[in-house]
PDB file of N, CA and C in Angstrom:
ATOM      1  N   MET A   1       0.825  -1.197   0.000  1.00  0.00           N
ATOM      2  CA  MET A   1       0.000   0.000   0.000  1.00  0.00           C
ATOM      3  C   MET A   1       0.867   1.258   0.000  1.00  0.00           C
ATOM      4  N   LYS A   2       1.902   1.280   0.845  1.00  0.00           N
ATOM      5  CA  LYS A   2       2.729   2.484   0.936  1.00  0.00           C
ATOM      6  C   LYS A   2       3.383   2.808  -0.408  1.00  0.00           C
ATOM      7  N   ARG A   3       3.906   1.796  -1.088  1.00  0.00           N
ATOM      8  CA  ARG A   3       4.559   2.035  -2.372  1.00  0.00           C
ATOM      9  C   ARG A   3       3.562   2.591  -3.392  1.00  0.00           C
ATOM     10  N   THR A   4       2.357   2.042  -3.424  1.00  0.00           N
ATOM     11  CA  THR A   4       1.335   2.525  -4.342  1.00  0.00           C
ATOM     12  C   THR A   4       0.968   3.964  -4.019  1.00  0.00           C
ATOM     13  N   TRP A   5       0.778   4.263  -2.744  1.00  0.00           N
ATOM     14  CA  TRP A   5       0.435   5.617  -2.338  1.00  0.00           C
ATOM     15  C   TRP A   5       1.556   6.576  -2.719  1.00  0.00           C
ATOM     16  N   ASN A   6       2.791   6.184  -2.410  1.00  0.00           N
ATOM     17  CA  ASN A   6       3.932   7.050  -2.721  1.00  0.00           C
ATOM     18  C   ASN A   6       4.012   7.358  -4.211  1.00  0.00           C
ATOM     19  N   LYS A   7       3.777   6.358  -5.038  1.00  0.00           N
ATOM     20  CA  LYS A   7       3.846   6.578  -6.485  1.00  0.00           C
ATOM     21  C   LYS A   7       2.674   7.423  -6.964  1.00  0.00           C
ATOM     22  N   LYS A   8       1.486   7.112  -6.483  1.00  0.00           N
ATOM     23  CA  LYS A   8       0.284   7.799  -6.945  1.00  0.00           C
ATOM     24  C   LYS A   8       0.280   9.281  -6.559  1.00  0.00           C
ATOM     25  N   PHE A   9       0.756   9.590  -5.352  1.00  0.00           N
ATOM     26  CA  PHE A   9       0.702  10.958  -4.848  1.00  0.00           C
ATOM     27  C   PHE A   9       2.084  11.590  -4.723  1.00  0.00           C
ATOM     28  N   SER A  10       3.043  11.087  -5.464  1.00  0.00           N
ATOM     29  CA  SER A  10       4.405  11.631  -5.389  1.00  0.00           C
ATOM     30  C   SER A  10       4.475  13.077  -5.866  1.00  0.00           C
ATOM     31  N   PHE A  11       3.486  13.517  -6.642  1.00  0.00           N
ATOM     32  CA  PHE A  11       3.487  14.895  -7.129  1.00  0.00           C
ATOM     33  C   PHE A  11       3.295  15.914  -6.009  1.00  0.00           C
ATOM     34  N   LEU A  12       2.870  15.482  -4.824  1.00  0.00           N
ATOM     35  CA  LEU A  12       2.643  16.427  -3.732  1.00  0.00           C
ATOM     36  C   LEU A  12       3.913  17.189  -3.364  1.00  0.00           C
ATOM     37  N   LYS A  13       5.044  16.517  -3.415  1.00  0.00           N
ATOM     38  CA  LYS A  13       6.295  17.220  -3.111  1.00  0.00           C
ATOM     39  C   LYS A  13       6.610  18.259  -4.182  1.00  0.00           C
ATOM     40  N   ASP A  14       6.150  18.029  -5.399  1.00  0.00           N
ATOM     41  CA  ASP A  14       6.388  18.983  -6.477  1.00  0.00           C
ATOM     42  C   ASP A  14       5.520  20.227  -6.348  1.00  0.00           C
ATOM     43  N   ILE A  15       4.335  20.094  -5.769  1.00  0.00           N
ATOM     44  CA  ILE A  15       3.482  21.278  -5.619  1.00  0.00           C
ATOM     45  C   ILE A  15       3.671  21.934  -4.252  1.00  0.00           C
ATOM     46  N   ALA A  16       4.638  21.458  -3.485  1.00  0.00           N
ATOM     47  CA  ALA A  16       4.987  22.139  -2.233  1.00  0.00           C
ATOM     48  C   ALA A  16       5.632  23.488  -2.522  1.00  0.00           C
ATOM     49  N   ASP A  17       6.188  23.648  -3.701  1.00  0.00           N
ATOM     50  CA  ASP A  17       6.838  24.892  -4.090  1.00  0.00           C
ATOM     51  C   ASP A  17       5.782  25.974  -4.349  1.00  0.00           C
ATOM     52  N   PRO A  18       5.908  27.146  -3.706  1.00  0.00           N
ATOM     53  CA  PRO A  18       4.882  28.189  -3.876  1.00  0.00           C
ATOM     54  C   PRO A  18       4.751  28.718  -5.310  1.00  0.00           C
ATOM     55  N   THR A  19       5.835  28.742  -6.054  1.00  0.00           N
ATOM     56  CA  THR A  19       5.752  29.201  -7.451  1.00  0.00           C
ATOM     57  C   THR A  19       4.911  28.234  -8.273  1.00  0.00           C
ATOM     58  N   ARG A  20       5.092  26.940  -8.060  1.00  0.00           N
ATOM     59  CA  ARG A  20       4.315  25.951  -8.814  1.00  0.00           C
ATOM     60  C   ARG A  20       2.840  26.010  -8.442  1.00  0.00           C
ATOM     61  N   ARG A  21       2.563  26.223  -7.150  1.00  0.00           N
ATOM     62  CA  ARG A  21       1.154  26.367  -6.755  1.00  0.00           C
ATOM     63  C   ARG A  21       0.541  27.611  -7.382  1.00  0.00           C
ATOM     64  N   ALA A  22       1.306  28.689  -7.451  1.00  0.00           N
ATOM     65  CA  ALA A  22       0.806  29.911  -8.087  1.00  0.00           C
ATOM     66  C   ALA A  22       0.559  29.679  -9.582  1.00  0.00           C
ATOM     67  N   LEU A  23       1.440  28.935 -10.221  1.00  0.00           N
ATOM     68  CA  LEU A  23       1.228  28.604 -11.631  1.00  0.00           C
ATOM     69  C   LEU A  23      -0.057  27.795 -11.807  1.00  0.00           C
ATOM     70  N   LEU A  24      -0.285  26.829 -10.932  1.00  0.00           N
ATOM     71  CA  LEU A  24      -1.513  26.034 -11.007  1.00  0.00           C
ATOM     72  C   LEU A  24      -2.740  26.925 -10.823  1.00  0.00           C
ATOM     73  N   ASP A  25      -2.655  27.870  -9.887  1.00  0.00           N
ATOM     74  CA  ASP A  25      -3.779  28.790  -9.673  1.00  0.00           C
ATOM     75  C   ASP A  25      -4.068  29.602 -10.938  1.00  0.00           C
ATOM     76  N   LEU A  26      -3.023  30.089 -11.577  1.00  0.00           N
ATOM     77  CA  LEU A  26      -3.207  30.850 -12.820  1.00  0.00           C
ATOM     78  C   LEU A  26      -3.796  29.979 -13.924  1.00  0.00           C
ATOM     79  N   LEU A  27      -3.294  28.765 -14.048  1.00  0.00           N
ATOM     80  CA  LEU A  27      -3.765  27.879 -15.113  1.00  0.00           C
ATOM     81  C   LEU A  27      -5.178  27.365 -14.846  1.00  0.00           C
ATOM     82  N   ALA A  28      -5.611  27.414 -13.596  1.00  0.00           N
ATOM     83  CA  ALA A  28      -6.995  27.039 -13.285  1.00  0.00           C
ATOM     84  C   ALA A  28      -7.977  28.028 -13.908  1.00  0.00           C
ATOM     85  N   GLN A  29      -7.489  29.230 -14.220  1.00  0.00           N
ATOM     86  CA  GLN A  29      -8.332  30.247 -14.846  1.00  0.00           C
ATOM     87  C   GLN A  29      -8.400  30.089 -16.362  1.00  0.00           C
ATOM     88  N   GLY A  30      -7.495  29.295 -16.923  1.00  0.00           N
ATOM     89  CA  GLY A  30      -7.516  29.066 -18.357  1.00  0.00           C
ATOM     90  C   GLY A  30      -6.125  28.889 -18.933  1.00  0.00           C
ATOM     91  N   GLU A  31      -6.085  28.468 -20.159  1.00  0.00           N
ATOM     92  CA  GLU A  31      -4.841  28.213 -20.872  1.00  0.00           C
ATOM     93  C   GLU A  31      -4.032  29.503 -21.019  1.00  0.00           C
ATOM     94  N   GLU A  32      -2.702  29.389 -20.868  1.00  0.00           N
ATOM     95  CA  GLU A  32      -1.815  30.557 -20.946  1.00  0.00           C
ATOM     96  C   GLU A  32      -0.524  30.187 -21.660  1.00  0.00           C
ATOM     97  N   PRO A  33       0.017  31.108 -22.455  1.00  0.00           N
ATOM     98  CA  PRO A  33       1.360  30.896 -23.022  1.00  0.00           C
ATOM     99  C   PRO A  33       2.423  31.168 -21.958  1.00  0.00           C
ATOM    100  N   VAL A  34       3.571  30.559 -22.123  1.00  0.00           N
ATOM    101  CA  VAL A  34       4.637  30.675 -21.122  1.00  0.00           C
ATOM    102  C   VAL A  34       5.044  32.126 -20.907  1.00  0.00           C
ATOM    103  N   ASN A  35       5.098  32.934 -21.954  1.00  0.00           N
ATOM    104  CA  ASN A  35       5.494  34.339 -21.790  1.00  0.00           C
ATOM    105  C   ASN A  35       4.515  35.098 -20.898  1.00  0.00           C
ATOM    106  N   SER A  36       3.242  34.850 -21.073  1.00  0.00           N
ATOM    107  CA  SER A  36       2.224  35.493 -20.246  1.00  0.00           C
ATOM    108  C   SER A  36       2.359  35.068 -18.788  1.00  0.00           C
ATOM    109  N   LEU A  37       2.644  33.803 -18.568  1.00  0.00           N
ATOM    110  CA  LEU A  37       2.847  33.304 -17.202  1.00  0.00           C
ATOM    111  C   LEU A  37       4.092  33.941 -16.585  1.00  0.00           C
ATOM    112  N   ALA A  38       5.172  33.976 -17.340  1.00  0.00           N
ATOM    113  CA  ALA A  38       6.446  34.478 -16.824  1.00  0.00           C
ATOM    114  C   ALA A  38       6.363  35.952 -16.425  1.00  0.00           C
ATOM    115  N   GLU A  39       5.542  36.736 -17.120  1.00  0.00           N
ATOM    116  CA  GLU A  39       5.397  38.160 -16.805  1.00  0.00           C
ATOM    117  C   GLU A  39       4.888  38.399 -15.395  1.00  0.00           C
ATOM    118  N   ARG A  40       4.214  37.434 -14.829  1.00  0.00           N
ATOM    119  CA  ARG A  40       3.592  37.601 -13.510  1.00  0.00           C
ATOM    120  C   ARG A  40       4.516  37.262 -12.350  1.00  0.00           C
ATOM    121  N   PHE A  41       5.732  36.844 -12.657  1.00  0.00           N
ATOM    122  CA  PHE A  41       6.661  36.416 -11.607  1.00  0.00           C
ATOM    123  C   PHE A  41       7.954  37.231 -11.677  1.00  0.00           C
ATOM    124  N   ALA A  42       8.582  37.375 -10.548  1.00  0.00           N
ATOM    125  CA  ALA A  42       9.864  38.083 -10.479  1.00  0.00           C
ATOM    126  C   ALA A  42      11.001  37.090 -10.694  1.00  0.00           C
ATOM    127  N   MET A  43      10.921  36.378 -11.807  1.00  0.00           N
ATOM    128  CA  MET A  43      11.967  35.432 -12.185  1.00  0.00           C
ATOM    129  C   MET A  43      11.983  35.322 -13.697  1.00  0.00           C
ATOM    130  N   SER A  44      13.016  34.697 -14.200  1.00  0.00           N
ATOM    131  CA  SER A  44      13.185  34.616 -15.657  1.00  0.00           C
ATOM    132  C   SER A  44      12.182  33.660 -16.300  1.00  0.00           C
ATOM    133  N   ARG A  45      12.015  33.830 -17.593  1.00  0.00           N
ATOM    134  CA  ARG A  45      11.178  32.908 -18.363  1.00  0.00           C
ATOM    135  C   ARG A  45      11.739  31.495 -18.273  1.00  0.00           C
ATOM    136  N   ALA A  46      13.068  31.369 -18.275  1.00  0.00           N
ATOM    137  CA  ALA A  46      13.700  30.048 -18.172  1.00  0.00           C
ATOM    138  C   ALA A  46      13.352  29.379 -16.841  1.00  0.00           C
ATOM    139  N   ALA A  47      13.328  30.150 -15.769  1.00  0.00           N
ATOM    140  CA  ALA A  47      12.980  29.589 -14.457  1.00  0.00           C
ATOM    141  C   ALA A  47      11.525  29.116 -14.450  1.00  0.00           C
ATOM    142  N   ILE A  48      10.632  29.913 -15.028  1.00  0.00           N
ATOM    143  CA  ILE A  48       9.220  29.509 -15.115  1.00  0.00           C
ATOM    144  C   ILE A  48       9.090  28.258 -15.976  1.00  0.00           C
ATOM    145  N   SER A  49       9.851  28.186 -17.047  1.00  0.00           N
ATOM    146  CA  SER A  49       9.826  26.993 -17.911  1.00  0.00           C
ATOM    147  C   SER A  49      10.271  25.757 -17.145  1.00  0.00           C
ATOM    148  N   GLN A  50      11.229  25.907 -16.258  1.00  0.00           N
ATOM    149  CA  GLN A  50      11.673  24.766 -15.443  1.00  0.00           C
ATOM    150  C   GLN A  50      10.561  24.320 -14.498  1.00  0.00           C
ATOM    151  N   HIS A  51       9.874  25.277 -13.883  1.00  0.00           N
ATOM    152  CA  HIS A  51       8.744  24.924 -13.013  1.00  0.00           C
ATOM    153  C   HIS A  51       7.644  24.236 -13.818  1.00  0.00           C
ATOM    154  N   LEU A  52       7.371  24.744 -15.004  1.00  0.00           N
ATOM    155  CA  LEU A  52       6.348  24.126 -15.855  1.00  0.00           C
ATOM    156  C   LEU A  52       6.751  22.722 -16.285  1.00  0.00           C
ATOM    157  N   ALA A  53       8.041  22.510 -16.519  1.00  0.00           N
ATOM    158  CA  ALA A  53       8.518  21.169 -16.888  1.00  0.00           C
ATOM    159  C   ALA A  53       8.239  20.172 -15.765  1.00  0.00           C
ATOM    160  N   ILE A  54       8.411  20.607 -14.531  1.00  0.00           N
ATOM    161  CA  ILE A  54       8.112  19.723 -13.396  1.00  0.00           C
ATOM    162  C   ILE A  54       6.615  19.445 -13.333  1.00  0.00           C
ATOM    163  N   LEU A  55       5.801  20.471 -13.538  1.00  0.00           N
ATOM    164  CA  LEU A  55       4.350  20.266 -13.527  1.00  0.00           C
ATOM    165  C   LEU A  55       3.889  19.391 -14.690  1.00  0.00           C
ATOM    166  N   LEU A  56       4.566  19.487 -15.823  1.00  0.00           N
ATOM    167  CA  LEU A  56       4.276  18.583 -16.949  1.00  0.00           C
ATOM    168  C   LEU A  56       4.594  17.144 -16.580  1.00  0.00           C
ATOM    169  N   ARG A  57       5.738  16.947 -15.937  1.00  0.00           N
ATOM    170  CA  ARG A  57       6.158  15.606 -15.533  1.00  0.00           C
ATOM    171  C   ARG A  57       5.165  14.983 -14.550  1.00  0.00           C
ATOM    172  N   THR A  58       4.584  15.797 -13.700  1.00  0.00           N
ATOM    173  CA  THR A  58       3.619  15.287 -12.724  1.00  0.00           C
ATOM    174  C   THR A  58       2.226  15.100 -13.321  1.00  0.00           C
ATOM    175  N   ARG A  59       2.074  15.519 -14.576  1.00  0.00           N
ATOM    176  CA  ARG A  59       0.799  15.424 -15.307  1.00  0.00           C
ATOM    177  C   ARG A  59      -0.285  16.333 -14.738  1.00  0.00           C
ATOM    178  N   LEU A  60       0.128  17.364 -14.004  1.00  0.00           N
ATOM    179  CA  LEU A  60      -0.825  18.360 -13.528  1.00  0.00           C
ATOM    180  C   LEU A  60      -1.072  19.437 -14.573  1.00  0.00           C
ATOM    181  N   VAL A  61      -0.185  19.498 -15.558  1.00  0.00           N
ATOM    182  CA  VAL A  61      -0.258  20.503 -16.608  1.00  0.00           C
ATOM    183  C   VAL A  61      -0.037  19.819 -17.951  1.00  0.00           C
ATOM    184  N   ARG A  62      -0.713  20.315 -18.959  1.00  0.00           N
ATOM    185  CA  ARG A  62      -0.491  19.868 -20.342  1.00  0.00           C
ATOM    186  C   ARG A  62      -0.053  21.063 -21.164  1.00  0.00           C
ATOM    187  N   ALA A  63       0.666  20.787 -22.244  1.00  0.00           N
ATOM    188  CA  ALA A  63       1.127  21.862 -23.131  1.00  0.00           C
ATOM    189  C   ALA A  63       0.772  21.499 -24.565  1.00  0.00           C
ATOM    190  N   ARG A  64       0.549  22.527 -25.360  1.00  0.00           N
ATOM    191  CA  ARG A  64       0.325  22.326 -26.783  1.00  0.00           C
ATOM    192  C   ARG A  64       0.986  23.481 -27.529  1.00  0.00           C
ATOM    193  N   ARG A  65       1.414  23.198 -28.732  1.00  0.00           N
ATOM    194  CA  ARG A  65       2.037  24.227 -29.574  1.00  0.00           C
ATOM    195  C   ARG A  65       0.962  24.956 -30.371  1.00  0.00           C
ATOM    196  N   VAL A  66       1.075  26.271 -30.378  1.00  0.00           N
ATOM    197  CA  VAL A  66       0.247  27.120 -31.222  1.00  0.00           C
ATOM    198  C   VAL A  66       1.229  28.049 -31.919  1.00  0.00           C
ATOM    199  N   GLY A  67       1.509  27.747 -33.148  1.00  0.00           N
ATOM    200  CA  GLY A  67       2.537  28.510 -33.858  1.00  0.00           C
ATOM    201  C   GLY A  67       3.890  28.303 -33.201  1.00  0.00           C
ATOM    202  N   ARG A  68       4.500  29.398 -32.777  1.00  0.00           N
ATOM    203  CA  ARG A  68       5.824  29.313 -32.163  1.00  0.00           C
ATOM    204  C   ARG A  68       5.780  29.259 -30.640  1.00  0.00           C
ATOM    205  N   GLU A  69       4.588  29.364 -30.055  1.00  0.00           N
ATOM    206  CA  GLU A  69       4.525  29.380 -28.595  1.00  0.00           C
ATOM    207  C   GLU A  69       3.911  28.105 -28.039  1.00  0.00           C
ATOM    208  N   ARG A  70       4.256  27.845 -26.801  1.00  0.00           N
ATOM    209  CA  ARG A  70       3.643  26.737 -26.069  1.00  0.00           C
ATOM    210  C   ARG A  70       2.607  27.309 -25.137  1.00  0.00           C
ATOM    211  N   ARG A  71       1.435  26.702 -25.157  1.00  0.00           N
ATOM    212  CA  ARG A  71       0.353  27.109 -24.267  1.00  0.00           C
ATOM    213  C   ARG A  71       0.146  25.998 -23.239  1.00  0.00           C
ATOM    214  N   TYR A  72      -0.013  26.408 -21.999  1.00  0.00           N
ATOM    215  CA  TYR A  72      -0.151  25.469 -20.891  1.00  0.00           C
ATOM    216  C   TYR A  72      -1.559  25.544 -20.324  1.00  0.00           C
ATOM    217  N   ARG A  73      -2.028  24.391 -19.839  1.00  0.00           N
ATOM    218  CA  ARG A  73      -3.349  24.345 -19.201  1.00  0.00           C
ATOM    219  C   ARG A  73      -3.314  23.339 -18.059  1.00  0.00           C
ATOM    220  N   LEU A  74      -4.179  23.560 -17.104  1.00  0.00           N
ATOM    221  CA  LEU A  74      -4.282  22.687 -15.940  1.00  0.00           C
ATOM    222  C   LEU A  74      -4.896  21.358 -16.334  1.00  0.00           C
ATOM    223  N   GLN A  75      -4.359  20.305 -15.788  1.00  0.00           N
ATOM    224  CA  GLN A  75      -4.913  18.954 -15.947  1.00  0.00           C
ATOM    225  C   GLN A  75      -5.222  18.473 -14.523  1.00  0.00           C
ATOM    226  N   PRO A  76      -6.438  18.700 -14.021  1.00  0.00           N
ATOM    227  CA  PRO A  76      -6.696  18.542 -12.587  1.00  0.00           C
ATOM    228  C   PRO A  76      -6.893  17.112 -12.075  1.00  0.00           C
ATOM    229  N   ARG A  77      -6.866  16.116 -12.919  1.00  0.00           N
ATOM    230  CA  ARG A  77      -7.178  14.754 -12.467  1.00  0.00           C
ATOM    231  C   ARG A  77      -6.364  14.304 -11.250  1.00  0.00           C
ATOM    232  N   PRO A  78      -5.047  14.496 -11.207  1.00  0.00           N
ATOM    233  CA  PRO A  78      -4.322  14.080  -9.991  1.00  0.00           C
ATOM    234  C   PRO A  78      -4.819  14.795  -8.732  1.00  0.00           C
ATOM    235  N   LEU A  79      -5.224  16.044  -8.848  1.00  0.00           N
ATOM    236  CA  LEU A  79      -5.753  16.762  -7.692  1.00  0.00           C
ATOM    237  C   LEU A  79      -7.104  16.200  -7.267  1.00  0.00           C
ATOM    238  N   GLU A  80      -7.897  15.749  -8.227  1.00  0.00           N
ATOM    239  CA  GLU A  80      -9.179  15.128  -7.904  1.00  0.00           C
ATOM    240  C   GLU A  80      -8.969  13.847  -7.106  1.00  0.00           C
ATOM    241  N   GLU A  81      -7.922  13.104  -7.424  1.00  0.00           N
ATOM    242  CA  GLU A  81      -7.624  11.875  -6.685  1.00  0.00           C
ATOM    243  C   GLU A  81      -7.273  12.189  -5.235  1.00  0.00           C
ATOM    244  N   ILE A  82      -6.546  13.265  -5.001  1.00  0.00           N
ATOM    245  CA  ILE A  82      -6.239  13.696  -3.629  1.00  0.00           C
ATOM    246  C   ILE A  82      -7.524  14.106  -2.917  1.00  0.00           C
ATOM    247  N   TYR A  83      -8.368  14.842  -3.592  1.00  0.00           N
ATOM    248  CA  TYR A  83      -9.637  15.263  -3.007  1.00  0.00           C
ATOM    249  C   TYR A  83     -10.461  14.038  -2.583  1.00  0.00           C
ATOM    250  N   ASP A  84     -10.530  13.044  -3.462  1.00  0.00           N
ATOM    251  CA  ASP A  84     -11.274  11.828  -3.147  1.00  0.00           C
ATOM    252  C   ASP A  84     -10.688  11.124  -1.932  1.00  0.00           C
ATOM    253  N   TRP A  85      -9.361  11.093  -1.847  1.00  0.00           N
ATOM    254  CA  TRP A  85      -8.692  10.428  -0.728  1.00  0.00           C
ATOM    255  C   TRP A  85      -8.983  11.174   0.575  1.00  0.00           C
ATOM    256  N   VAL A  86      -8.886  12.492   0.554  1.00  0.00           N
ATOM    257  CA  VAL A  86      -9.155  13.295   1.748  1.00  0.00           C
ATOM    258  C   VAL A  86     -10.629  13.173   2.144  1.00  0.00           C
ATOM    259  N   ALA A  87     -11.512  13.066   1.169  1.00  0.00           N
ATOM    260  CA  ALA A  87     -12.944  12.950   1.456  1.00  0.00           C
ATOM    261  C   ALA A  87     -13.259  11.712   2.292  1.00  0.00           C
ATOM    262  N   LEU A  88     -12.484  10.649   2.113  1.00  0.00           N
ATOM    263  CA  LEU A  88     -12.682   9.457   2.946  1.00  0.00           C
ATOM    264  C   LEU A  88     -12.513   9.792   4.418  1.00  0.00           C
ATOM    265  N   TYR A  89     -11.520  10.577   4.743  1.00  0.00           N
ATOM    266  CA  TYR A  89     -11.257  10.956   6.128  1.00  0.00           C
ATOM    267  C   TYR A  89     -12.261  11.979   6.623  1.00  0.00           C
ATOM    268  N   GLU A  90     -12.741  12.827   5.739  1.00  0.00           N
ATOM    269  CA  GLU A  90     -13.772  13.779   6.131  1.00  0.00           C
ATOM    270  C   GLU A  90     -15.026  13.029   6.574  1.00  0.00           C
ATOM    271  N   ARG A  91     -15.427  12.018   5.801  1.00  0.00           N
ATOM    272  CA  ARG A  91     -16.603  11.217   6.175  1.00  0.00           C
ATOM    273  C   ARG A  91     -16.352  10.488   7.487  1.00  0.00           C
ATOM    274  N   PHE A  92     -15.146   9.947   7.669  1.00  0.00           N
ATOM    275  CA  PHE A  92     -14.796   9.239   8.901  1.00  0.00           C
ATOM    276  C   PHE A  92     -14.972  10.174  10.101  1.00  0.00           C
ATOM    277  N   TRP A  93     -14.378  11.373  10.030  1.00  0.00           N
ATOM    278  CA  TRP A  93     -14.445  12.298  11.161  1.00  0.00           C
ATOM    279  C   TRP A  93     -15.841  12.852  11.360  1.00  0.00           C
ATOM    280  N   ARG A  94     -16.566  13.068  10.290  1.00  0.00           N
ATOM    281  CA  ARG A  94     -17.940  13.544  10.436  1.00  0.00           C
ATOM    282  C   ARG A  94     -18.763  12.514  11.204  1.00  0.00           C
ATOM    283  N   THR A  95     -18.614  11.240  10.882  1.00  0.00           N
ATOM    284  CA  THR A  95     -19.329  10.166  11.572  1.00  0.00           C
ATOM    285  C   THR A  95     -18.939  10.119  13.038  1.00  0.00           C
ATOM    286  N   LYS A  96     -17.636  10.197  13.306  1.00  0.00           N
ATOM    287  CA  LYS A  96     -17.155  10.146  14.695  1.00  0.00           C
ATOM    288  C   LYS A  96     -17.656  11.346  15.495  1.00  0.00           C
ATOM    289  N   LEU A  97     -17.594  12.528  14.923  1.00  0.00           N
ATOM    290  CA  LEU A  97     -18.022  13.724  15.644  1.00  0.00           C
ATOM    291  C   LEU A  97     -19.535  13.741  15.859  1.00  0.00           C
ATOM    292  N   THR A  98     -20.290  13.221  14.909  1.00  0.00           N
ATOM    293  CA  THR A  98     -21.741  13.117  15.088  1.00  0.00           C
ATOM    294  C   THR A  98     -22.062  12.159  16.227  1.00  0.00           C
ATOM    295  N   ALA A  99     -21.362  11.023  16.272  1.00  0.00           N
ATOM    296  CA  ALA A  99     -21.579  10.056  17.352  1.00  0.00           C
ATOM    297  C   ALA A  99     -21.206  10.661  18.701  1.00  0.00           C
ATOM    298  N   LEU A 100     -20.116  11.398  18.760  1.00  0.00           N
ATOM    299  CA  LEU A 100     -19.701  12.050  20.005  1.00  0.00           C
ATOM    300  C   LEU A 100     -20.748  13.078  20.428  1.00  0.00           C
ATOM    301  N   SER A 101     -21.230  13.848  19.500  1.00  0.00           N
ATOM    302  CA  SER A 101     -22.246  14.856  19.805  1.00  0.00           C
ATOM    303  C   SER A 101     -23.506  14.207  20.379  1.00  0.00           C
ATOM    304  N   GLU A 102     -23.934  13.118  19.761  1.00  0.00           N
ATOM    305  CA  GLU A 102     -25.120  12.416  20.263  1.00  0.00           C
ATOM    306  C   GLU A 102     -24.874  11.833  21.639  1.00  0.00           C
ATOM    307  N   HIS A 103     -23.700  11.280  21.860  1.00  0.00           N
ATOM    308  CA  HIS A 103     -23.342  10.720  23.157  1.00  0.00           C
ATOM    309  C   HIS A 103     -23.381  11.818  24.237  1.00  0.00           C
ATOM    310  N   LEU A 104     -22.790  12.963  23.952  1.00  0.00           N
ATOM    311  CA  LEU A 104     -22.768  14.065  24.919  1.00  0.00           C
ATOM    312  C   LEU A 104     -24.168  14.624  25.161  1.00  0.00           C
ATOM    313  N   ARG A 105     -24.973  14.668  24.123  1.00  0.00           N
ATOM    314  CA  ARG A 105     -26.342  15.146  24.280  1.00  0.00           C
ATOM    315  C   ARG A 105     -27.146  14.223  25.177  1.00  0.00           C
ATOM    316  N   LYS A 106     -26.942  12.906  25.056  1.00  0.00           N
ATOM    317  CA  LYS A 106     -27.660  11.937  25.875  1.00  0.00           C
ATOM    318  C   LYS A 106     -27.222  12.015  27.333  1.00  0.00           C
ATOM    319  N   ARG A 107     -25.952  12.346  27.562  1.00  0.00           N
ATOM    320  CA  ARG A 107     -25.417  12.426  28.922  1.00  0.00           C
ATOM    321  C   ARG A 107     -25.908  13.677  29.659  1.00  0.00           C
ATOM    322  N   SER A 108     -26.296  14.690  28.920  1.00  0.00           N
ATOM    323  CA  SER A 108     -26.674  15.927  29.611  1.00  0.00           C
ATOM    324  C   SER A 108     -28.164  16.011  29.886  1.00  0.00           C
TER     325      SER A 108
END
């Protein structure tokens, strides 16, 4: 189980970087060319391209060529898998807290 989890959610360490999370936030609004993305950061276009390469590798972002530029867009499926995993624990805690609430209500 641990090996499967580590492989499936290994991208989490890649989105720990605040620049990559900011890129994901921008791409959640729609497809963008690399130059447009780079203008929003206090770093070089090459540095942004390196961050995008990591996001491409994690499959959180897709790229396509339009003429001479590359356009990037969010590919949210891996994030949906994390949401689904966290939702399991949300249901677990909701059930436990509801039971505790009922228990305390009966005691009072």
